[in-house]
Amino acid sequence: MELSEKHREYWRRNISLTAVLLAVWFVVTFVLGYFAIPLSEFNFLGFPFSFYMAAQGSLIIYVILIWLYARRMGRLDREYDVAEGEE
């Protein structure tokens, strides 16, 4: 099946969104963990920043990433008329 230019644009925007959100996930998961010792000198809400990120901060960011992906993809699906109907 040949993809139309509209479908290519849809997939291009989908992949761009996914790449950006994966980059944020990577930074939150690995980069902050790698710099945990220097970041523990910084206090956030009364806790060392690295402890807060491991206990709650990263989980909050993951939920925000999921919410943002669902919201943006819903909007993108409607814009390109590929949304599934409500059942």
PDB file of N, CA and C in Angstrom:
ATOM      1  N   MET A   1       0.838  -1.179   0.000  1.00  0.00           N
ATOM      2  CA  MET A   1       0.000   0.000   0.000  1.00  0.00           C
ATOM      3  C   MET A   1       0.885   1.244   0.000  1.00  0.00           C
ATOM      4  N   GLU A   2       0.633   2.109  -0.925  1.00  0.00           N
ATOM      5  CA  GLU A   2       1.383   3.360  -1.049  1.00  0.00           C
ATOM      6  C   GLU A   2       0.838   4.396  -0.066  1.00  0.00           C
ATOM      7  N   LEU A   3       1.746   5.010   0.686  1.00  0.00           N
ATOM      8  CA  LEU A   3       1.332   6.050   1.624  1.00  0.00           C
ATOM      9  C   LEU A   3       1.216   7.381   0.905  1.00  0.00           C
ATOM     10  N   SER A   4       0.170   8.111   1.238  1.00  0.00           N
ATOM     11  CA  SER A   4       0.018   9.442   0.649  1.00  0.00           C
ATOM     12  C   SER A   4       0.908  10.424   1.400  1.00  0.00           C
ATOM     13  N   GLU A   5       1.054  11.622   0.848  1.00  0.00           N
ATOM     14  CA  GLU A   5       1.859  12.653   1.493  1.00  0.00           C
ATOM     15  C   GLU A   5       1.275  13.019   2.857  1.00  0.00           C
ATOM     16  N   LYS A   6      -0.038  12.966   2.973  1.00  0.00           N
ATOM     17  CA  LYS A   6      -0.708  13.265   4.246  1.00  0.00           C
ATOM     18  C   LYS A   6      -0.325  12.223   5.302  1.00  0.00           C
ATOM     19  N   HIS A   7      -0.278  10.959   4.926  1.00  0.00           N
ATOM     20  CA  HIS A   7       0.113   9.910   5.866  1.00  0.00           C
ATOM     21  C   HIS A   7       1.587  10.020   6.245  1.00  0.00           C
ATOM     22  N   ARG A   8       2.422  10.379   5.285  1.00  0.00           N
ATOM     23  CA  ARG A   8       3.847  10.556   5.595  1.00  0.00           C
ATOM     24  C   ARG A   8       4.043  11.690   6.601  1.00  0.00           C
ATOM     25  N   GLU A   9       3.305  12.778   6.393  1.00  0.00           N
ATOM     26  CA  GLU A   9       3.395  13.902   7.328  1.00  0.00           C
ATOM     27  C   GLU A   9       2.906  13.491   8.711  1.00  0.00           C
ATOM     28  N   TYR A  10       1.839  12.714   8.774  1.00  0.00           N
ATOM     29  CA  TYR A  10       1.322  12.217  10.053  1.00  0.00           C
ATOM     30  C   TYR A  10       2.394  11.408  10.778  1.00  0.00           C
ATOM     31  N   TRP A  11       3.027  10.466  10.066  1.00  0.00           N
ATOM     32  CA  TRP A  11       4.048   9.626  10.694  1.00  0.00           C
ATOM     33  C   TRP A  11       5.289  10.417  11.055  1.00  0.00           C
ATOM     34  N   ARG A  12       5.639  11.407  10.249  1.00  0.00           N
ATOM     35  CA  ARG A  12       6.782  12.268  10.564  1.00  0.00           C
ATOM     36  C   ARG A  12       6.534  13.015  11.873  1.00  0.00           C
ATOM     37  N   ARG A  13       5.344  13.551  12.041  1.00  0.00           N
ATOM     38  CA  ARG A  13       5.027  14.280  13.286  1.00  0.00           C
ATOM     39  C   ARG A  13       4.925  13.327  14.461  1.00  0.00           C
ATOM     40  N   ASN A  14       4.386  12.130  14.234  1.00  0.00           N
ATOM     41  CA  ASN A  14       4.292  11.116  15.288  1.00  0.00           C
ATOM     42  C   ASN A  14       5.678  10.717  15.777  1.00  0.00           C
ATOM     43  N   ILE A  15       6.585  10.462  14.856  1.00  0.00           N
ATOM     44  CA  ILE A  15       7.949  10.061  15.228  1.00  0.00           C
ATOM     45  C   ILE A  15       8.689  11.207  15.909  1.00  0.00           C
ATOM     46  N   SER A  16       8.466  12.431  15.460  1.00  0.00           N
ATOM     47  CA  SER A  16       9.104  13.580  16.110  1.00  0.00           C
ATOM     48  C   SER A  16       8.658  13.708  17.560  1.00  0.00           C
ATOM     49  N   LEU A  17       7.356  13.587  17.783  1.00  0.00           N
ATOM     50  CA  LEU A  17       6.830  13.663  19.146  1.00  0.00           C
ATOM     51  C   LEU A  17       7.409  12.547  20.009  1.00  0.00           C
ATOM     52  N   THR A  18       7.432  11.338  19.480  1.00  0.00           N
ATOM     53  CA  THR A  18       7.964  10.196  20.218  1.00  0.00           C
ATOM     54  C   THR A  18       9.443  10.391  20.541  1.00  0.00           C
ATOM     55  N   ALA A  19      10.213  10.909  19.598  1.00  0.00           N
ATOM     56  CA  ALA A  19      11.646  11.117  19.819  1.00  0.00           C
ATOM     57  C   ALA A  19      11.884  12.152  20.923  1.00  0.00           C
ATOM     58  N   VAL A  20      11.121  13.227  20.918  1.00  0.00           N
ATOM     59  CA  VAL A  20      11.292  14.260  21.951  1.00  0.00           C
ATOM     60  C   VAL A  20      10.942  13.695  23.325  1.00  0.00           C
ATOM     61  N   LEU A  21       9.837  12.974  23.411  1.00  0.00           N
ATOM     62  CA  LEU A  21       9.427  12.426  24.700  1.00  0.00           C
ATOM     63  C   LEU A  21      10.410  11.354  25.178  1.00  0.00           C
ATOM     64  N   LEU A  22      10.963  10.575  24.276  1.00  0.00           N
ATOM     65  CA  LEU A  22      11.974   9.586  24.665  1.00  0.00           C
ATOM     66  C   LEU A  22      13.262  10.272  25.143  1.00  0.00           C
ATOM     67  N   ALA A  23      13.603  11.398  24.544  1.00  0.00           N
ATOM     68  CA  ALA A  23      14.784  12.146  24.993  1.00  0.00           C
ATOM     69  C   ALA A  23      14.578  12.647  26.423  1.00  0.00           C
ATOM     70  N   VAL A  24      13.389  13.150  26.709  1.00  0.00           N
ATOM     71  CA  VAL A  24      13.089  13.591  28.080  1.00  0.00           C
ATOM     72  C   VAL A  24      13.149  12.401  29.034  1.00  0.00           C
ATOM     73  N   TRP A  25      12.567  11.276  28.632  1.00  0.00           N
ATOM     74  CA  TRP A  25      12.607  10.067  29.466  1.00  0.00           C
ATOM     75  C   TRP A  25      14.048   9.641  29.737  1.00  0.00           C
ATOM     76  N   PHE A  26      14.888   9.669  28.715  1.00  0.00           N
ATOM     77  CA  PHE A  26      16.290   9.272  28.868  1.00  0.00           C
ATOM     78  C   PHE A  26      17.010  10.171  29.862  1.00  0.00           C
ATOM     79  N   VAL A  27      16.803  11.476  29.741  1.00  0.00           N
ATOM     80  CA  VAL A  27      17.461  12.422  30.652  1.00  0.00           C
ATOM     81  C   VAL A  27      17.006  12.174  32.090  1.00  0.00           C
ATOM     82  N   VAL A  28      15.699  12.027  32.279  1.00  0.00           N
ATOM     83  CA  VAL A  28      15.168  11.827  33.633  1.00  0.00           C
ATOM     84  C   VAL A  28      15.657  10.501  34.213  1.00  0.00           C
ATOM     85  N   THR A  29      15.729   9.478  33.399  1.00  0.00           N
ATOM     86  CA  THR A  29      16.067   8.145  33.894  1.00  0.00           C
ATOM     87  C   THR A  29      17.565   7.947  34.074  1.00  0.00           C
ATOM     88  N   PHE A  30      18.335   8.298  33.078  1.00  0.00           N
ATOM     89  CA  PHE A  30      19.758   7.958  33.114  1.00  0.00           C
ATOM     90  C   PHE A  30      20.670   9.127  33.457  1.00  0.00           C
ATOM     91  N   VAL A  31      20.430  10.276  32.906  1.00  0.00           N
ATOM     92  CA  VAL A  31      21.336  11.405  33.140  1.00  0.00           C
ATOM     93  C   VAL A  31      21.233  11.876  34.586  1.00  0.00           C
ATOM     94  N   LEU A  32      20.015  12.023  35.106  1.00  0.00           N
ATOM     95  CA  LEU A  32      19.882  12.436  36.505  1.00  0.00           C
ATOM     96  C   LEU A  32      20.431  11.364  37.445  1.00  0.00           C
ATOM     97  N   GLY A  33      20.260  10.101  37.096  1.00  0.00           N
ATOM     98  CA  GLY A  33      20.832   9.030  37.908  1.00  0.00           C
ATOM     99  C   GLY A  33      22.352   9.030  37.874  1.00  0.00           C
ATOM    100  N   TYR A  34      22.930   9.352  36.737  1.00  0.00           N
ATOM    101  CA  TYR A  34      24.387   9.398  36.606  1.00  0.00           C
ATOM    102  C   TYR A  34      24.982  10.510  37.460  1.00  0.00           C
ATOM    103  N   PHE A  35      24.261  11.629  37.544  1.00  0.00           N
ATOM    104  CA  PHE A  35      24.746  12.765  38.331  1.00  0.00           C
ATOM    105  C   PHE A  35      24.095  12.821  39.709  1.00  0.00           C
ATOM    106  N   ALA A  36      23.731  11.699  40.266  1.00  0.00           N
ATOM    107  CA  ALA A  36      23.017  11.664  41.553  1.00  0.00           C
ATOM    108  C   ALA A  36      23.852  12.240  42.693  1.00  0.00           C
ATOM    109  N   ILE A  37      25.125  11.932  42.737  1.00  0.00           N
ATOM    110  CA  ILE A  37      25.960  12.405  43.858  1.00  0.00           C
ATOM    111  C   ILE A  37      26.107  13.933  43.843  1.00  0.00           C
ATOM    112  N   PRO A  38      26.480  14.545  42.712  1.00  0.00           N
ATOM    113  CA  PRO A  38      26.555  16.019  42.729  1.00  0.00           C
ATOM    114  C   PRO A  38      25.177  16.668  42.954  1.00  0.00           C
ATOM    115  N   LEU A  39      24.098  16.045  42.448  1.00  0.00           N
ATOM    116  CA  LEU A  39      22.771  16.630  42.615  1.00  0.00           C
ATOM    117  C   LEU A  39      22.248  16.493  44.038  1.00  0.00           C
ATOM    118  N   SER A  40      22.842  15.587  44.837  1.00  0.00           N
ATOM    119  CA  SER A  40      22.355  15.410  46.212  1.00  0.00           C
ATOM    120  C   SER A  40      22.716  16.596  47.098  1.00  0.00           C
ATOM    121  N   GLU A  41      23.618  17.448  46.642  1.00  0.00           N
ATOM    122  CA  GLU A  41      23.953  18.647  47.404  1.00  0.00           C
ATOM    123  C   GLU A  41      22.870  19.712  47.285  1.00  0.00           C
ATOM    124  N   PHE A  42      22.025  19.608  46.292  1.00  0.00           N
ATOM    125  CA  PHE A  42      20.937  20.560  46.060  1.00  0.00           C
ATOM    126  C   PHE A  42      19.664  20.031  46.724  1.00  0.00           C
ATOM    127  N   ASN A  43      19.022  20.836  47.577  1.00  0.00           N
ATOM    128  CA  ASN A  43      17.797  20.417  48.258  1.00  0.00           C
ATOM    129  C   ASN A  43      16.569  20.870  47.492  1.00  0.00           C
ATOM    130  N   PHE A  44      15.588  19.975  47.408  1.00  0.00           N
ATOM    131  CA  PHE A  44      14.315  20.281  46.751  1.00  0.00           C
ATOM    132  C   PHE A  44      13.203  19.791  47.665  1.00  0.00           C
ATOM    133  N   LEU A  45      12.370  20.702  48.143  1.00  0.00           N
ATOM    134  CA  LEU A  45      11.287  20.410  49.086  1.00  0.00           C
ATOM    135  C   LEU A  45      11.820  19.738  50.354  1.00  0.00           C
ATOM    136  N   GLY A  46      13.000  20.122  50.771  1.00  0.00           N
ATOM    137  CA  GLY A  46      13.589  19.602  51.995  1.00  0.00           C
ATOM    138  C   GLY A  46      14.330  18.291  51.850  1.00  0.00           C
ATOM    139  N   PHE A  47      14.415  17.761  50.648  1.00  0.00           N
ATOM    140  CA  PHE A  47      15.107  16.494  50.403  1.00  0.00           C
ATOM    141  C   PHE A  47      16.251  16.734  49.423  1.00  0.00           C
ATOM    142  N   PRO A  48      17.293  15.906  49.482  1.00  0.00           N
ATOM    143  CA  PRO A  48      18.305  15.992  48.418  1.00  0.00           C
ATOM    144  C   PRO A  48      17.634  15.745  47.065  1.00  0.00           C
ATOM    145  N   PHE A  49      18.001  16.529  46.067  1.00  0.00           N
ATOM    146  CA  PHE A  49      17.333  16.483  44.770  1.00  0.00           C
ATOM    147  C   PHE A  49      17.371  15.098  44.142  1.00  0.00           C
ATOM    148  N   SER A  50      18.500  14.410  44.247  1.00  0.00           N
ATOM    149  CA  SER A  50      18.585  13.073  43.639  1.00  0.00           C
ATOM    150  C   SER A  50      17.655  12.095  44.348  1.00  0.00           C
ATOM    151  N   PHE A  51      17.515  12.208  45.677  1.00  0.00           N
ATOM    152  CA  PHE A  51      16.587  11.347  46.416  1.00  0.00           C
ATOM    153  C   PHE A  51      15.153  11.641  45.997  1.00  0.00           C
ATOM    154  N   TYR A  52      14.810  12.933  45.884  1.00  0.00           N
ATOM    155  CA  TYR A  52      13.449  13.296  45.482  1.00  0.00           C
ATOM    156  C   TYR A  52      13.131  12.775  44.084  1.00  0.00           C
ATOM    157  N   MET A  53      14.080  12.916  43.162  1.00  0.00           N
ATOM    158  CA  MET A  53      13.835  12.447  41.789  1.00  0.00           C
ATOM    159  C   MET A  53      13.666  10.930  41.751  1.00  0.00           C
ATOM    160  N   ALA A  54      14.454  10.198  42.543  1.00  0.00           N
ATOM    161  CA  ALA A  54      14.325   8.738  42.564  1.00  0.00           C
ATOM    162  C   ALA A  54      13.015   8.313  43.206  1.00  0.00           C
ATOM    163  N   ALA A  55      12.569   9.031  44.248  1.00  0.00           N
ATOM    164  CA  ALA A  55      11.377   8.619  44.984  1.00  0.00           C
ATOM    165  C   ALA A  55      10.089   9.067  44.313  1.00  0.00           C
ATOM    166  N   GLN A  56      10.039  10.323  43.841  1.00  0.00           N
ATOM    167  CA  GLN A  56       8.780  10.844  43.319  1.00  0.00           C
ATOM    168  C   GLN A  56       8.916  11.597  42.009  1.00  0.00           C
ATOM    169  N   GLY A  57       9.939  12.381  41.875  1.00  0.00           N
ATOM    170  CA  GLY A  57      10.051  13.287  40.736  1.00  0.00           C
ATOM    171  C   GLY A  57      10.009  12.585  39.396  1.00  0.00           C
ATOM    172  N   SER A  58      10.766  11.509  39.272  1.00  0.00           N
ATOM    173  CA  SER A  58      10.787  10.816  37.980  1.00  0.00           C
ATOM    174  C   SER A  58       9.430  10.172  37.684  1.00  0.00           C
ATOM    175  N   LEU A  59       8.764   9.669  38.706  1.00  0.00           N
ATOM    176  CA  LEU A  59       7.436   9.070  38.482  1.00  0.00           C
ATOM    177  C   LEU A  59       6.432  10.113  38.015  1.00  0.00           C
ATOM    178  N   ILE A  60       6.494  11.294  38.607  1.00  0.00           N
ATOM    179  CA  ILE A  60       5.603  12.380  38.187  1.00  0.00           C
ATOM    180  C   ILE A  60       5.884  12.752  36.733  1.00  0.00           C
ATOM    181  N   ILE A  61       7.152  12.832  36.380  1.00  0.00           N
ATOM    182  CA  ILE A  61       7.510  13.181  35.002  1.00  0.00           C
ATOM    183  C   ILE A  61       7.047  12.095  34.030  1.00  0.00           C
ATOM    184  N   TYR A  62       7.146  10.813  34.413  1.00  0.00           N
ATOM    185  CA  TYR A  62       6.683   9.733  33.538  1.00  0.00           C
ATOM    186  C   TYR A  62       5.184   9.836  33.289  1.00  0.00           C
ATOM    187  N   VAL A  63       4.410  10.133  34.335  1.00  0.00           N
ATOM    188  CA  VAL A  63       2.964  10.278  34.161  1.00  0.00           C
ATOM    189  C   VAL A  63       2.649  11.466  33.251  1.00  0.00           C
ATOM    190  N   ILE A  64       3.391  12.556  33.429  1.00  0.00           N
ATOM    191  CA  ILE A  64       3.199  13.726  32.568  1.00  0.00           C
ATOM    192  C   ILE A  64       3.534  13.384  31.116  1.00  0.00           C
ATOM    193  N   LEU A  65       4.591  12.608  30.897  1.00  0.00           N
ATOM    194  CA  LEU A  65       4.956  12.214  29.529  1.00  0.00           C
ATOM    195  C   LEU A  65       3.846  11.382  28.885  1.00  0.00           C
ATOM    196  N   ILE A  66       3.278  10.451  29.646  1.00  0.00           N
ATOM    197  CA  ILE A  66       2.187   9.616  29.115  1.00  0.00           C
ATOM    198  C   ILE A  66       0.971  10.481  28.799  1.00  0.00           C
ATOM    199  N   TRP A  67       0.619  11.381  29.715  1.00  0.00           N
ATOM    200  CA  TRP A  67      -0.522  12.261  29.497  1.00  0.00           C
ATOM    201  C   TRP A  67      -0.293  13.141  28.265  1.00  0.00           C
ATOM    202  N   LEU A  68       0.907  13.709  28.159  1.00  0.00           N
ATOM    203  CA  LEU A  68       1.215  14.586  27.035  1.00  0.00           C
ATOM    204  C   LEU A  68       1.169  13.821  25.715  1.00  0.00           C
ATOM    205  N   TYR A  69       1.702  12.593  25.702  1.00  0.00           N
ATOM    206  CA  TYR A  69       1.681  11.798  24.470  1.00  0.00           C
ATOM    207  C   TYR A  69       0.239  11.485  24.049  1.00  0.00           C
ATOM    208  N   ALA A  70      -0.575  11.059  25.001  1.00  0.00           N
ATOM    209  CA  ALA A  70      -1.968  10.735  24.676  1.00  0.00           C
ATOM    210  C   ALA A  70      -2.716  11.958  24.164  1.00  0.00           C
ATOM    211  N   ARG A  71      -2.503  13.092  24.810  1.00  0.00           N
ATOM    212  CA  ARG A  71      -3.187  14.324  24.400  1.00  0.00           C
ATOM    213  C   ARG A  71      -2.746  14.767  23.000  1.00  0.00           C
ATOM    214  N   ARG A  72      -1.433  14.796  22.773  1.00  0.00           N
ATOM    215  CA  ARG A  72      -0.927  15.263  21.474  1.00  0.00           C
ATOM    216  C   ARG A  72      -1.285  14.289  20.357  1.00  0.00           C
ATOM    217  N   MET A  73      -1.247  12.998  20.639  1.00  0.00           N
ATOM    218  CA  MET A  73      -1.590  12.021  19.603  1.00  0.00           C
ATOM    219  C   MET A  73      -3.089  12.060  19.295  1.00  0.00           C
ATOM    220  N   GLY A  74      -3.923  12.279  20.313  1.00  0.00           N
ATOM    221  CA  GLY A  74      -5.353  12.431  20.064  1.00  0.00           C
ATOM    222  C   GLY A  74      -5.633  13.612  19.144  1.00  0.00           C
ATOM    223  N   ARG A  75      -4.942  14.712  19.411  1.00  0.00           N
ATOM    224  CA  ARG A  75      -5.104  15.905  18.576  1.00  0.00           C
ATOM    225  C   ARG A  75      -4.585  15.645  17.153  1.00  0.00           C
ATOM    226  N   LEU A  76      -3.450  14.962  17.068  1.00  0.00           N
ATOM    227  CA  LEU A  76      -2.871  14.655  15.759  1.00  0.00           C
ATOM    228  C   LEU A  76      -3.770  13.696  14.973  1.00  0.00           C
ATOM    229  N   ASP A  77      -4.348  12.700  15.645  1.00  0.00           N
ATOM    230  CA  ASP A  77      -5.261  11.758  14.986  1.00  0.00           C
ATOM    231  C   ASP A  77      -6.486  12.478  14.422  1.00  0.00           C
ATOM    232  N   ARG A  78      -7.031  13.406  15.202  1.00  0.00           N
ATOM    233  CA  ARG A  78      -8.200  14.164  14.716  1.00  0.00           C
ATOM    234  C   ARG A  78      -7.815  15.076  13.555  1.00  0.00           C
ATOM    235  N   GLU A  79      -6.637  15.693  13.654  1.00  0.00           N
ATOM    236  CA  GLU A  79      -6.188  16.603  12.594  1.00  0.00           C
ATOM    237  C   GLU A  79      -6.013  15.879  11.267  1.00  0.00           C
ATOM    238  N   TYR A  80      -5.532  14.636  11.311  1.00  0.00           N
ATOM    239  CA  TYR A  80      -5.294  13.872  10.079  1.00  0.00           C
ATOM    240  C   TYR A  80      -6.409  12.874   9.791  1.00  0.00           C
ATOM    241  N   ASP A  81      -7.483  12.978  10.580  1.00  0.00           N
ATOM    242  CA  ASP A  81      -8.693  12.173  10.362  1.00  0.00           C
ATOM    243  C   ASP A  81      -8.396  10.663  10.400  1.00  0.00           C
ATOM    244  N   VAL A  82      -7.593  10.239  11.372  1.00  0.00           N
ATOM    245  CA  VAL A  82      -7.323   8.816  11.566  1.00  0.00           C
ATOM    246  C   VAL A  82      -7.753   8.364  12.962  1.00  0.00           C
ATOM    247  N   ALA A  83      -8.520   9.224  13.645  1.00  0.00           N
ATOM    248  CA  ALA A  83      -8.965   8.902  15.004  1.00  0.00           C
ATOM    249  C   ALA A  83      -9.993   7.791  14.963  1.00  0.00           C
ATOM    250  N   GLU A  84      -9.931   6.939  15.990  1.00  0.00           N
ATOM    251  CA  GLU A  84     -10.923   5.888  16.117  1.00  0.00           C
ATOM    252  C   GLU A  84     -12.147   6.480  16.799  1.00  0.00           C
ATOM    253  N   GLY A  85     -13.310   6.022  16.399  1.00  0.00           N
ATOM    254  CA  GLY A  85     -14.532   6.555  16.958  1.00  0.00           C
ATOM    255  C   GLY A  85     -14.796   6.055  18.359  1.00  0.00           C
ATOM    256  N   GLU A  86     -15.611   6.809  19.093  1.00  0.00           N
ATOM    257  CA  GLU A  86     -16.027   6.401  20.434  1.00  0.00           C
ATOM    258  C   GLU A  86     -17.006   5.260  20.304  1.00  0.00           C
ATOM    259  N   GLU A  87     -16.817   4.228  21.131  1.00  0.00           N
ATOM    260  CA  GLU A  87     -17.731   3.084  21.080  1.00  0.00           C
ATOM    261  C   GLU A  87     -18.463   2.941  22.366  1.00  0.00           C
TER     262      GLU A  87
END
